[in-house]
All heavy atoms as atom14 arrays in JSON, in Angstrom:
{
  "sequence": "AEEIFDALAKDGVEVHHLLLHADSYAIAKRIEGSMEFPGDEERSEKV",
  "atom14_mask": [
    [1, 1, 1, 1, 1, 0, 0, 0, 0, 0, 0, 0, 0, 0],
    [1, 1, 1, 1, 1, 1, 1, 1, 1, 0, 0, 0, 0, 0],
    [1, 1, 1, 1, 1, 1, 1, 1, 1, 0, 0, 0, 0, 0],
    [1, 1, 1, 1, 1, 1, 1, 1, 0, 0, 0, 0, 0, 0],
    [1, 1, 1, 1, 1, 1, 1, 1, 1, 1, 1, 0, 0, 0],
    [1, 1, 1, 1, 1, 1, 1, 1, 0, 0, 0, 0, 0, 0],
    [1, 1, 1, 1, 1, 0, 0, 0, 0, 0, 0, 0, 0, 0],
    [1, 1, 1, 1, 1, 1, 1, 1, 0, 0, 0, 0, 0, 0],
    [1, 1, 1, 1, 1, 0, 0, 0, 0, 0, 0, 0, 0, 0],
    [1, 1, 1, 1, 1, 1, 1, 1, 1, 0, 0, 0, 0, 0],
    [1, 1, 1, 1, 1, 1, 1, 1, 0, 0, 0, 0, 0, 0],
    [1, 1, 1, 1, 0, 0, 0, 0, 0, 0, 0, 0, 0, 0],
    [1, 1, 1, 1, 1, 1, 1, 0, 0, 0, 0, 0, 0, 0],
    [1, 1, 1, 1, 1, 1, 1, 1, 1, 0, 0, 0, 0, 0],
    [1, 1, 1, 1, 1, 1, 1, 0, 0, 0, 0, 0, 0, 0],
    [1, 1, 1, 1, 1, 1, 1, 1, 1, 1, 0, 0, 0, 0],
    [1, 1, 1, 1, 1, 1, 1, 1, 1, 1, 0, 0, 0, 0],
    [1, 1, 1, 1, 1, 1, 1, 1, 0, 0, 0, 0, 0, 0],
    [1, 1, 1, 1, 1, 1, 1, 1, 0, 0, 0, 0, 0, 0],
    [1, 1, 1, 1, 1, 1, 1, 1, 0, 0, 0, 0, 0, 0],
    [1, 1, 1, 1, 1, 1, 1, 1, 1, 1, 0, 0, 0, 0],
    [1, 1, 1, 1, 1, 0, 0, 0, 0, 0, 0, 0, 0, 0],
    [1, 1, 1, 1, 1, 1, 1, 1, 0, 0, 0, 0, 0, 0],
    [1, 1, 1, 1, 1, 1, 0, 0, 0, 0, 0, 0, 0, 0],
    [1, 1, 1, 1, 1, 1, 1, 1, 1, 1, 1, 1, 0, 0],
    [1, 1, 1, 1, 1, 0, 0, 0, 0, 0, 0, 0, 0, 0],
    [1, 1, 1, 1, 1, 1, 1, 1, 0, 0, 0, 0, 0, 0],
    [1, 1, 1, 1, 1, 0, 0, 0, 0, 0, 0, 0, 0, 0],
    [1, 1, 1, 1, 1, 1, 1, 1, 1, 0, 0, 0, 0, 0],
    [1, 1, 1, 1, 1, 1, 1, 1, 1, 1, 1, 0, 0, 0],
    [1, 1, 1, 1, 1, 1, 1, 1, 0, 0, 0, 0, 0, 0],
    [1, 1, 1, 1, 1, 1, 1, 1, 1, 0, 0, 0, 0, 0],
    [1, 1, 1, 1, 0, 0, 0, 0, 0, 0, 0, 0, 0, 0],
    [1, 1, 1, 1, 1, 1, 0, 0, 0, 0, 0, 0, 0, 0],
    [1, 1, 1, 1, 1, 1, 1, 1, 0, 0, 0, 0, 0, 0],
    [1, 1, 1, 1, 1, 1, 1, 1, 1, 0, 0, 0, 0, 0],
    [1, 1, 1, 1, 1, 1, 1, 1, 1, 1, 1, 0, 0, 0],
    [1, 1, 1, 1, 1, 1, 1, 0, 0, 0, 0, 0, 0, 0],
    [1, 1, 1, 1, 0, 0, 0, 0, 0, 0, 0, 0, 0, 0],
    [1, 1, 1, 1, 1, 1, 1, 1, 0, 0, 0, 0, 0, 0],
    [1, 1, 1, 1, 1, 1, 1, 1, 1, 0, 0, 0, 0, 0],
    [1, 1, 1, 1, 1, 1, 1, 1, 1, 0, 0, 0, 0, 0],
    [1, 1, 1, 1, 1, 1, 1, 1, 1, 1, 1, 0, 0, 0],
    [1, 1, 1, 1, 1, 1, 0, 0, 0, 0, 0, 0, 0, 0],
    [1, 1, 1, 1, 1, 1, 1, 1, 1, 0, 0, 0, 0, 0],
    [1, 1, 1, 1, 1, 1, 1, 1, 1, 0, 0, 0, 0, 0],
    [1, 1, 1, 1, 1, 1, 1, 0, 0, 0, 0, 0, 0, 0]
  ],
  "atom14_positions": [
    [[4.26, -12.27, -4.47], [5.5, -11.44, -4.75], [6.57, -12.13, -5.46], [7.1, -11.59, -6.46], [6.03, -10.93, -3.42], [0.0, 0.0, 0.0], [0.0, 0.0, 0.0], [0.0, 0.0, 0.0], [0.0, 0.0, 0.0], [0.0, 0.0, 0.0], [0.0, 0.0, 0.0], [0.0, 0.0, 0.0], [0.0, 0.0, 0.0], [0.0, 0.0, 0.0]],
    [[6.89, -13.35, -5.08], [7.91, -14.12, -5.78], [7.52, -14.4, -7.24], [8.37, -14.45, -8.16], [8.2, -15.4, -4.97], [8.95, -15.16, -3.72], [9.2, -16.34, -2.93], [8.71, -17.48, -3.21], [9.89, -16.25, -1.87], [0.0, 0.0, 0.0], [0.0, 0.0, 0.0], [0.0, 0.0, 0.0], [0.0, 0.0, 0.0], [0.0, 0.0, 0.0]],
    [[6.23, -14.7, -7.44], [5.82, -15.0, -8.77], [6.07, -13.82, -9.7], [6.5, -13.93, -10.79], [4.32, -15.42, -8.75], [3.8, -15.8, -10.1], [2.32, -16.3, -10.01], [1.82, -16.65, -8.97], [1.66, -16.29, -11.08], [0.0, 0.0, 0.0], [0.0, 0.0, 0.0], [0.0, 0.0, 0.0], [0.0, 0.0, 0.0], [0.0, 0.0, 0.0]],
    [[5.62, -12.62, -9.23], [5.8, -11.44, -10.03], [7.28, -11.05, -10.19], [7.7, -10.83, -11.3], [5.03, -10.25, -9.38], [3.52, -10.48, -9.43], [5.37, -8.94, -10.02], [2.67, -9.55, -8.53], [0.0, 0.0, 0.0], [0.0, 0.0, 0.0], [0.0, 0.0, 0.0], [0.0, 0.0, 0.0], [0.0, 0.0, 0.0], [0.0, 0.0, 0.0]],
    [[8.03, -11.07, -9.15], [9.42, -10.67, -9.17], [10.25, -11.63, -9.99], [11.19, -11.27, -10.68], [10.02, -10.48, -7.78], [9.33, -9.38, -7.01], [9.41, -9.3, -5.62], [8.61, -8.34, -7.67], [8.75, -8.3, -4.89], [8.02, -7.31, -6.89], [8.1, -7.31, -5.57], [0.0, 0.0, 0.0], [0.0, 0.0, 0.0], [0.0, 0.0, 0.0]],
    [[9.93, -12.96, -9.89], [10.63, -13.98, -10.6], [10.38, -13.79, -12.11], [11.28, -13.98, -12.97], [10.28, -15.41, -10.21], [10.83, -15.75, -8.83], [11.71, -15.0, -8.3], [10.44, -16.82, -8.36], [0.0, 0.0, 0.0], [0.0, 0.0, 0.0], [0.0, 0.0, 0.0], [0.0, 0.0, 0.0], [0.0, 0.0, 0.0], [0.0, 0.0, 0.0]],
    [[9.11, -13.49, -12.49], [8.77, -13.26, -13.9], [9.53, -12.01, -14.45], [10.03, -12.06, -15.59], [7.25, -13.07, -14.07], [0.0, 0.0, 0.0], [0.0, 0.0, 0.0], [0.0, 0.0, 0.0], [0.0, 0.0, 0.0], [0.0, 0.0, 0.0], [0.0, 0.0, 0.0], [0.0, 0.0, 0.0], [0.0, 0.0, 0.0], [0.0, 0.0, 0.0]],
    [[9.6, -10.98, -13.67], [10.35, -9.82, -14.1], [11.83, -10.15, -14.24], [12.45, -9.7, -15.28], [10.17, -8.71, -13.05], [8.74, -8.06, -13.05], [8.56, -7.23, -11.79], [8.57, -7.27, -14.28], [0.0, 0.0, 0.0], [0.0, 0.0, 0.0], [0.0, 0.0, 0.0], [0.0, 0.0, 0.0], [0.0, 0.0, 0.0], [0.0, 0.0, 0.0]],
    [[12.41, -10.88, -13.28], [13.82, -11.26, -13.4], [14.08, -12.1, -14.66], [15.09, -11.94, -15.39], [14.23, -12.02, -12.18], [0.0, 0.0, 0.0], [0.0, 0.0, 0.0], [0.0, 0.0, 0.0], [0.0, 0.0, 0.0], [0.0, 0.0, 0.0], [0.0, 0.0, 0.0], [0.0, 0.0, 0.0], [0.0, 0.0, 0.0], [0.0, 0.0, 0.0]],
    [[13.13, -13.02, -14.98], [13.19, -13.86, -16.2], [13.29, -13.03, -17.43], [13.93, -13.4, -18.4], [12.05, -14.88, -16.21], [12.15, -15.86, -17.3], [10.97, -16.82, -17.24], [11.01, -17.73, -18.46], [9.86, -18.63, -18.5], [0.0, 0.0, 0.0], [0.0, 0.0, 0.0], [0.0, 0.0, 0.0], [0.0, 0.0, 0.0], [0.0, 0.0, 0.0]],
    [[12.57, -11.89, -17.35], [12.54, -10.98, -18.53], [13.71, -9.97, -18.5], [13.73, -9.06, -19.3], [11.19, -10.2, -18.52], [10.05, -11.06, -19.02], [10.22, -12.03, -19.71], [8.88, -10.73, -18.62], [0.0, 0.0, 0.0], [0.0, 0.0, 0.0], [0.0, 0.0, 0.0], [0.0, 0.0, 0.0], [0.0, 0.0, 0.0], [0.0, 0.0, 0.0]],
    [[14.54, -10.13, -17.51], [15.75, -9.29, -17.45], [15.52, -7.9, -16.86], [16.28, -7.0, -17.03], [0.0, 0.0, 0.0], [0.0, 0.0, 0.0], [0.0, 0.0, 0.0], [0.0, 0.0, 0.0], [0.0, 0.0, 0.0], [0.0, 0.0, 0.0], [0.0, 0.0, 0.0], [0.0, 0.0, 0.0], [0.0, 0.0, 0.0], [0.0, 0.0, 0.0]],
    [[14.4, -7.8, -16.05], [14.06, -6.51, -15.43], [14.57, -6.54, -14.07], [14.25, -7.4, -13.28], [12.54, -6.31, -15.53], [12.21, -4.96, -14.86], [12.01, -6.31, -16.94], [0.0, 0.0, 0.0], [0.0, 0.0, 0.0], [0.0, 0.0, 0.0], [0.0, 0.0, 0.0], [0.0, 0.0, 0.0], [0.0, 0.0, 0.0], [0.0, 0.0, 0.0]],
    [[15.34, -5.48, -13.69], [15.86, -5.3, -12.35], [14.71, -4.77, -11.47], [13.98, -3.87, -11.83], [16.99, -4.31, -12.38], [17.6, -4.0, -11.09], [18.67, -2.91, -11.15], [18.85, -2.27, -12.23], [19.32, -2.64, -10.11], [0.0, 0.0, 0.0], [0.0, 0.0, 0.0], [0.0, 0.0, 0.0], [0.0, 0.0, 0.0], [0.0, 0.0, 0.0]],
    [[14.56, -5.36, -10.29], [13.55, -4.98, -9.34], [14.11, -4.5, -8.08], [14.98, -5.2, -7.46], [12.49, -6.11, -9.02], [11.5, -5.74, -7.99], [11.88, -6.61, -10.29], [0.0, 0.0, 0.0], [0.0, 0.0, 0.0], [0.0, 0.0, 0.0], [0.0, 0.0, 0.0], [0.0, 0.0, 0.0], [0.0, 0.0, 0.0], [0.0, 0.0, 0.0]],
    [[13.7, -3.32, -7.6], [14.09, -2.82, -6.27], [12.76, -2.87, -5.45], [11.84, -2.14, -5.79], [14.64, -1.47, -6.28], [16.01, -1.38, -6.87], [17.15, -1.56, -6.1], [16.4, -1.22, -8.14], [18.19, -1.54, -6.84], [17.81, -1.29, -8.08], [0.0, 0.0, 0.0], [0.0, 0.0, 0.0], [0.0, 0.0, 0.0], [0.0, 0.0, 0.0]],
    [[12.75, -3.66, -4.45], [11.55, -3.87, -3.63], [11.69, -3.02, -2.32], [12.35, -3.38, -1.44], [11.37, -5.32, -3.28], [10.14, -5.69, -2.52], [9.93, -6.92, -2.01], [9.05, -4.92, -2.21], [8.77, -6.96, -1.36], [8.23, -5.78, -1.5], [0.0, 0.0, 0.0], [0.0, 0.0, 0.0], [0.0, 0.0, 0.0], [0.0, 0.0, 0.0]],
    [[10.96, -1.89, -2.28], [10.98, -1.02, -1.15], [9.81, -1.28, -0.27], [8.66, -1.49, -0.79], [10.98, 0.45, -1.52], [12.1, 0.96, -2.44], [11.94, 2.45, -2.7], [13.52, 0.77, -1.69], [0.0, 0.0, 0.0], [0.0, 0.0, 0.0], [0.0, 0.0, 0.0], [0.0, 0.0, 0.0], [0.0, 0.0, 0.0], [0.0, 0.0, 0.0]],
    [[10.06, -1.33, 1.05], [8.94, -1.56, 1.96], [8.78, -0.29, 2.86], [9.74, -0.02, 3.62], [9.17, -2.79, 2.82], [8.14, -3.03, 3.92], [6.76, -3.27, 3.3], [8.54, -4.11, 4.8], [0.0, 0.0, 0.0], [0.0, 0.0, 0.0], [0.0, 0.0, 0.0], [0.0, 0.0, 0.0], [0.0, 0.0, 0.0], [0.0, 0.0, 0.0]],
    [[7.62, 0.36, 2.81], [7.35, 1.5, 3.7], [6.74, 0.93, 4.91], [5.53, 0.64, 5.03], [6.43, 2.47, 3.0], [6.87, 2.97, 1.63], [5.89, 4.0, 1.17], [8.3, 3.52, 1.67], [0.0, 0.0, 0.0], [0.0, 0.0, 0.0], [0.0, 0.0, 0.0], [0.0, 0.0, 0.0], [0.0, 0.0, 0.0], [0.0, 0.0, 0.0]],
    [[7.54, 0.76, 5.99], [7.1, 0.12, 7.16], [6.72, 1.23, 8.17], [7.33, 2.29, 8.22], [8.21, -0.78, 7.76], [7.82, -1.36, 9.08], [6.9, -2.36, 9.25], [8.3, -1.09, 10.34], [6.77, -2.68, 10.51], [7.59, -1.92, 11.2], [0.0, 0.0, 0.0], [0.0, 0.0, 0.0], [0.0, 0.0, 0.0], [0.0, 0.0, 0.0]],
    [[5.78, 0.92, 9.04], [5.46, 1.76, 10.24], [4.86, 0.82, 11.26], [4.36, -0.21, 11.0], [4.43, 2.84, 9.79], [0.0, 0.0, 0.0], [0.0, 0.0, 0.0], [0.0, 0.0, 0.0], [0.0, 0.0, 0.0], [0.0, 0.0, 0.0], [0.0, 0.0, 0.0], [0.0, 0.0, 0.0], [0.0, 0.0, 0.0], [0.0, 0.0, 0.0]],
    [[5.0, 1.24, 12.5], [4.38, 0.47, 13.59], [2.87, 0.54, 13.53], [2.31, 1.39, 12.83], [4.88, 0.85, 15.0], [4.49, 2.25, 15.35], [3.32, 2.65, 15.25], [5.38, 3.01, 15.87], [0.0, 0.0, 0.0], [0.0, 0.0, 0.0], [0.0, 0.0, 0.0], [0.0, 0.0, 0.0], [0.0, 0.0, 0.0], [0.0, 0.0, 0.0]],
    [[2.24, -0.46, 14.08], [0.77, -0.56, 13.93], [0.03, 0.64, 14.46], [-1.01, 1.05, 13.91], [0.31, -1.82, 14.79], [0.87, -2.95, 14.2], [0.0, 0.0, 0.0], [0.0, 0.0, 0.0], [0.0, 0.0, 0.0], [0.0, 0.0, 0.0], [0.0, 0.0, 0.0], [0.0, 0.0, 0.0], [0.0, 0.0, 0.0], [0.0, 0.0, 0.0]],
    [[0.51, 1.21, 15.54], [-0.16, 2.48, 16.04], [-0.13, 3.54, 15.0], [-1.15, 4.22, 14.75], [0.53, 2.92, 17.32], [-0.13, 4.17, 17.88], [-1.31, 4.2, 18.55], [0.59, 5.39, 17.69], [-1.87, 5.42, 19.0], [0.06, 6.58, 18.17], [-1.19, 6.56, 18.85], [-1.69, 7.75, 19.27], [0.0, 0.0, 0.0], [0.0, 0.0, 0.0]],
    [[1.05, 3.75, 14.36], [1.14, 4.83, 13.34], [0.26, 4.53, 12.16], [-0.39, 5.41, 11.63], [2.61, 5.02, 12.96], [0.0, 0.0, 0.0], [0.0, 0.0, 0.0], [0.0, 0.0, 0.0], [0.0, 0.0, 0.0], [0.0, 0.0, 0.0], [0.0, 0.0, 0.0], [0.0, 0.0, 0.0], [0.0, 0.0, 0.0], [0.0, 0.0, 0.0]],
    [[0.23, 3.3, 11.78], [-0.64, 2.88, 10.6], [-2.11, 3.16, 10.96], [-2.84, 3.78, 10.18], [-0.41, 1.41, 10.3], [0.97, 1.18, 9.74], [-1.46, 0.98, 9.22], [1.32, -0.3, 9.65], [0.0, 0.0, 0.0], [0.0, 0.0, 0.0], [0.0, 0.0, 0.0], [0.0, 0.0, 0.0], [0.0, 0.0, 0.0], [0.0, 0.0, 0.0]],
    [[-2.54, 2.78, 12.15], [-3.93, 2.95, 12.49], [-4.24, 4.45, 12.59], [-5.33, 4.87, 12.15], [-4.2, 2.28, 13.84], [0.0, 0.0, 0.0], [0.0, 0.0, 0.0], [0.0, 0.0, 0.0], [0.0, 0.0, 0.0], [0.0, 0.0, 0.0], [0.0, 0.0, 0.0], [0.0, 0.0, 0.0], [0.0, 0.0, 0.0], [0.0, 0.0, 0.0]],
    [[-3.38, 5.24, 13.08], [-3.57, 6.72, 13.2], [-3.69, 7.29, 11.8], [-4.54, 8.12, 11.53], [-2.39, 7.33, 14.01], [-2.57, 8.71, 14.33], [-1.52, 9.26, 15.27], [-1.68, 10.72, 15.46], [-0.61, 11.25, 16.34], [0.0, 0.0, 0.0], [0.0, 0.0, 0.0], [0.0, 0.0, 0.0], [0.0, 0.0, 0.0], [0.0, 0.0, 0.0]],
    [[-2.82, 6.9, 10.86], [-2.85, 7.44, 9.48], [-4.21, 7.05, 8.82], [-4.84, 7.81, 8.09], [-1.7, 6.82, 8.66], [-0.33, 7.41, 9.04], [0.72, 6.8, 8.35], [2.0, 7.17, 8.91], [3.21, 6.65, 8.56], [3.21, 5.57, 7.65], [4.31, 7.02, 9.09], [0.0, 0.0, 0.0], [0.0, 0.0, 0.0], [0.0, 0.0, 0.0]],
    [[-4.57, 5.75, 9.04], [-5.85, 5.31, 8.5], [-6.98, 6.1, 8.97], [-7.89, 6.58, 8.21], [-6.09, 3.8, 8.77], [-5.09, 2.93, 7.99], [-7.57, 3.38, 8.42], [-5.05, 1.51, 8.39], [0.0, 0.0, 0.0], [0.0, 0.0, 0.0], [0.0, 0.0, 0.0], [0.0, 0.0, 0.0], [0.0, 0.0, 0.0], [0.0, 0.0, 0.0]],
    [[-7.04, 6.37, 10.32], [-8.15, 7.16, 10.87], [-8.19, 8.57, 10.36], [-9.22, 9.21, 10.24], [-8.11, 7.13, 12.37], [-8.39, 5.78, 12.95], [-9.68, 5.15, 12.47], [-10.71, 5.83, 12.38], [-9.61, 3.93, 12.03], [0.0, 0.0, 0.0], [0.0, 0.0, 0.0], [0.0, 0.0, 0.0], [0.0, 0.0, 0.0], [0.0, 0.0, 0.0]],
    [[-7.03, 9.09, 9.97], [-6.96, 10.53, 9.51], [-7.12, 10.65, 8.01], [-7.17, 11.79, 7.45], [0.0, 0.0, 0.0], [0.0, 0.0, 0.0], [0.0, 0.0, 0.0], [0.0, 0.0, 0.0], [0.0, 0.0, 0.0], [0.0, 0.0, 0.0], [0.0, 0.0, 0.0], [0.0, 0.0, 0.0], [0.0, 0.0, 0.0], [0.0, 0.0, 0.0]],
    [[-7.37, 9.54, 7.32], [-7.54, 9.53, 5.82], [-8.92, 9.9, 5.42], [-9.92, 9.56, 6.09], [-7.03, 8.28, 5.19], [-7.89, 7.25, 5.48], [0.0, 0.0, 0.0], [0.0, 0.0, 0.0], [0.0, 0.0, 0.0], [0.0, 0.0, 0.0], [0.0, 0.0, 0.0], [0.0, 0.0, 0.0], [0.0, 0.0, 0.0], [0.0, 0.0, 0.0]],
    [[-9.07, 10.52, 4.28], [-10.35, 10.73, 3.67], [-10.17, 10.56, 2.17], [-9.76, 11.41, 1.45], [-10.74, 12.2, 3.94], [-12.1, 12.59, 3.29], [-13.53, 11.66, 3.94], [-13.77, 12.42, 5.58], [0.0, 0.0, 0.0], [0.0, 0.0, 0.0], [0.0, 0.0, 0.0], [0.0, 0.0, 0.0], [0.0, 0.0, 0.0], [0.0, 0.0, 0.0]],
    [[-10.38, 9.26, 1.79], [-10.24, 8.94, 0.38], [-11.18, 9.64, -0.56], [-10.85, 9.9, -1.74], [-10.34, 7.42, 0.26], [-9.19, 6.65, 0.93], [-7.85, 6.99, 0.4], [-7.7, 7.05, -0.86], [-6.98, 7.33, 1.22], [0.0, 0.0, 0.0], [0.0, 0.0, 0.0], [0.0, 0.0, 0.0], [0.0, 0.0, 0.0], [0.0, 0.0, 0.0]],
    [[-12.37, 9.86, -0.07], [-13.44, 10.46, -0.92], [-13.93, 11.66, -0.26], [-14.98, 11.63, 0.45], [-14.5, 9.42, -1.2], [-14.04, 8.26, -1.95], [-13.81, 7.03, -1.22], [-13.88, 8.22, -3.28], [-13.37, 5.94, -1.92], [-13.36, 7.08, -3.95], [-13.17, 5.91, -3.2], [0.0, 0.0, 0.0], [0.0, 0.0, 0.0], [0.0, 0.0, 0.0]],
    [[-13.3, 12.81, -0.32], [-13.8, 14.03, 0.33], [-15.23, 14.28, 0.03], [-15.61, 14.21, -1.17], [-12.82, 15.14, -0.23], [-11.63, 14.44, -0.65], [-12.08, 13.1, -1.17], [0.0, 0.0, 0.0], [0.0, 0.0, 0.0], [0.0, 0.0, 0.0], [0.0, 0.0, 0.0], [0.0, 0.0, 0.0], [0.0, 0.0, 0.0], [0.0, 0.0, 0.0]],
    [[-15.96, 14.57, 1.02], [-17.4, 14.85, 0.87], [-18.26, 13.57, 0.92], [-19.49, 13.67, 0.87], [0.0, 0.0, 0.0], [0.0, 0.0, 0.0], [0.0, 0.0, 0.0], [0.0, 0.0, 0.0], [0.0, 0.0, 0.0], [0.0, 0.0, 0.0], [0.0, 0.0, 0.0], [0.0, 0.0, 0.0], [0.0, 0.0, 0.0], [0.0, 0.0, 0.0]],
    [[-17.64, 12.47, 0.94], [-18.38, 11.19, 0.98], [-17.83, 10.31, 2.1], [-17.01, 9.41, 1.91], [-18.28, 10.4, -0.35], [-19.24, 9.25, -0.45], [-19.72, 8.76, 0.57], [-19.54, 8.82, -1.59], [0.0, 0.0, 0.0], [0.0, 0.0, 0.0], [0.0, 0.0, 0.0], [0.0, 0.0, 0.0], [0.0, 0.0, 0.0], [0.0, 0.0, 0.0]],
    [[-18.32, 10.64, 3.33], [-17.85, 9.96, 4.53], [-18.12, 8.49, 4.46], [-17.27, 7.66, 4.91], [-18.49, 10.6, 5.75], [-18.08, 9.94, 7.08], [-16.6, 9.83, 7.39], [-15.86, 10.71, 6.94], [-16.2, 8.83, 8.01], [0.0, 0.0, 0.0], [0.0, 0.0, 0.0], [0.0, 0.0, 0.0], [0.0, 0.0, 0.0], [0.0, 0.0, 0.0]],
    [[-19.24, 8.04, 3.93], [-19.57, 6.64, 3.93], [-18.59, 5.86, 3.12], [-18.08, 4.81, 3.54], [-20.99, 6.42, 3.38], [-21.5, 5.01, 3.41], [-22.92, 4.83, 2.94], [-23.7, 5.81, 3.03], [-23.21, 3.75, 2.46], [0.0, 0.0, 0.0], [0.0, 0.0, 0.0], [0.0, 0.0, 0.0], [0.0, 0.0, 0.0], [0.0, 0.0, 0.0]],
    [[-18.27, 6.3, 1.93], [-17.29, 5.56, 1.04], [-15.91, 5.63, 1.71], [-15.21, 4.64, 1.64], [-17.2, 6.21, -0.29], [-18.36, 5.81, -1.24], [-18.19, 6.42, -2.62], [-17.17, 5.73, -3.39], [-16.65, 6.29, -4.48], [-17.08, 7.45, -4.97], [-15.68, 5.65, -5.15], [0.0, 0.0, 0.0], [0.0, 0.0, 0.0], [0.0, 0.0, 0.0]],
    [[-15.58, 6.78, 2.28], [-14.25, 6.89, 2.94], [-14.13, 5.91, 4.13], [-13.06, 5.28, 4.31], [-14.0, 8.34, 3.4], [-13.84, 9.19, 2.32], [0.0, 0.0, 0.0], [0.0, 0.0, 0.0], [0.0, 0.0, 0.0], [0.0, 0.0, 0.0], [0.0, 0.0, 0.0], [0.0, 0.0, 0.0], [0.0, 0.0, 0.0], [0.0, 0.0, 0.0]],
    [[-15.2, 5.78, 4.87], [-15.15, 4.84, 6.04], [-15.05, 3.42, 5.57], [-14.37, 2.6, 6.2], [-16.41, 5.04, 6.88], [-16.49, 4.07, 8.05], [-15.22, 4.05, 8.9], [-14.5, 5.05, 9.08], [-14.93, 2.91, 9.48], [0.0, 0.0, 0.0], [0.0, 0.0, 0.0], [0.0, 0.0, 0.0], [0.0, 0.0, 0.0], [0.0, 0.0, 0.0]],
    [[-15.63, 3.05, 4.44], [-15.47, 1.71, 3.89], [-13.99, 1.41, 3.59], [-13.46, 0.34, 3.86], [-16.35, 1.52, 2.65], [-17.8, 1.35, 2.93], [-18.58, 1.05, 1.65], [-20.08, 0.93, 2.0], [-20.83, 0.74, 0.78], [0.0, 0.0, 0.0], [0.0, 0.0, 0.0], [0.0, 0.0, 0.0], [0.0, 0.0, 0.0], [0.0, 0.0, 0.0]],
    [[-13.3, 2.37, 3.01], [-11.87, 2.25, 2.74], [-11.09, 2.08, 4.03], [-10.28, 1.23, 4.17], [-11.3, 3.45, 1.91], [-9.84, 3.34, 1.73], [-12.02, 3.44, 0.52], [0.0, 0.0, 0.0], [0.0, 0.0, 0.0], [0.0, 0.0, 0.0], [0.0, 0.0, 0.0], [0.0, 0.0, 0.0], [0.0, 0.0, 0.0], [0.0, 0.0, 0.0]]
  ]
}
């Protein structure tokens, strides 16, 4: 992160670093409810 953000700063680019945080339970619940490849359960489960 520092390598990327420092390079951007060196080029005069302003960076706003937002972090979308959630507790582990919420993250796990969202992951279980996701379907990245509708109709392809095997690929979705790999994700």
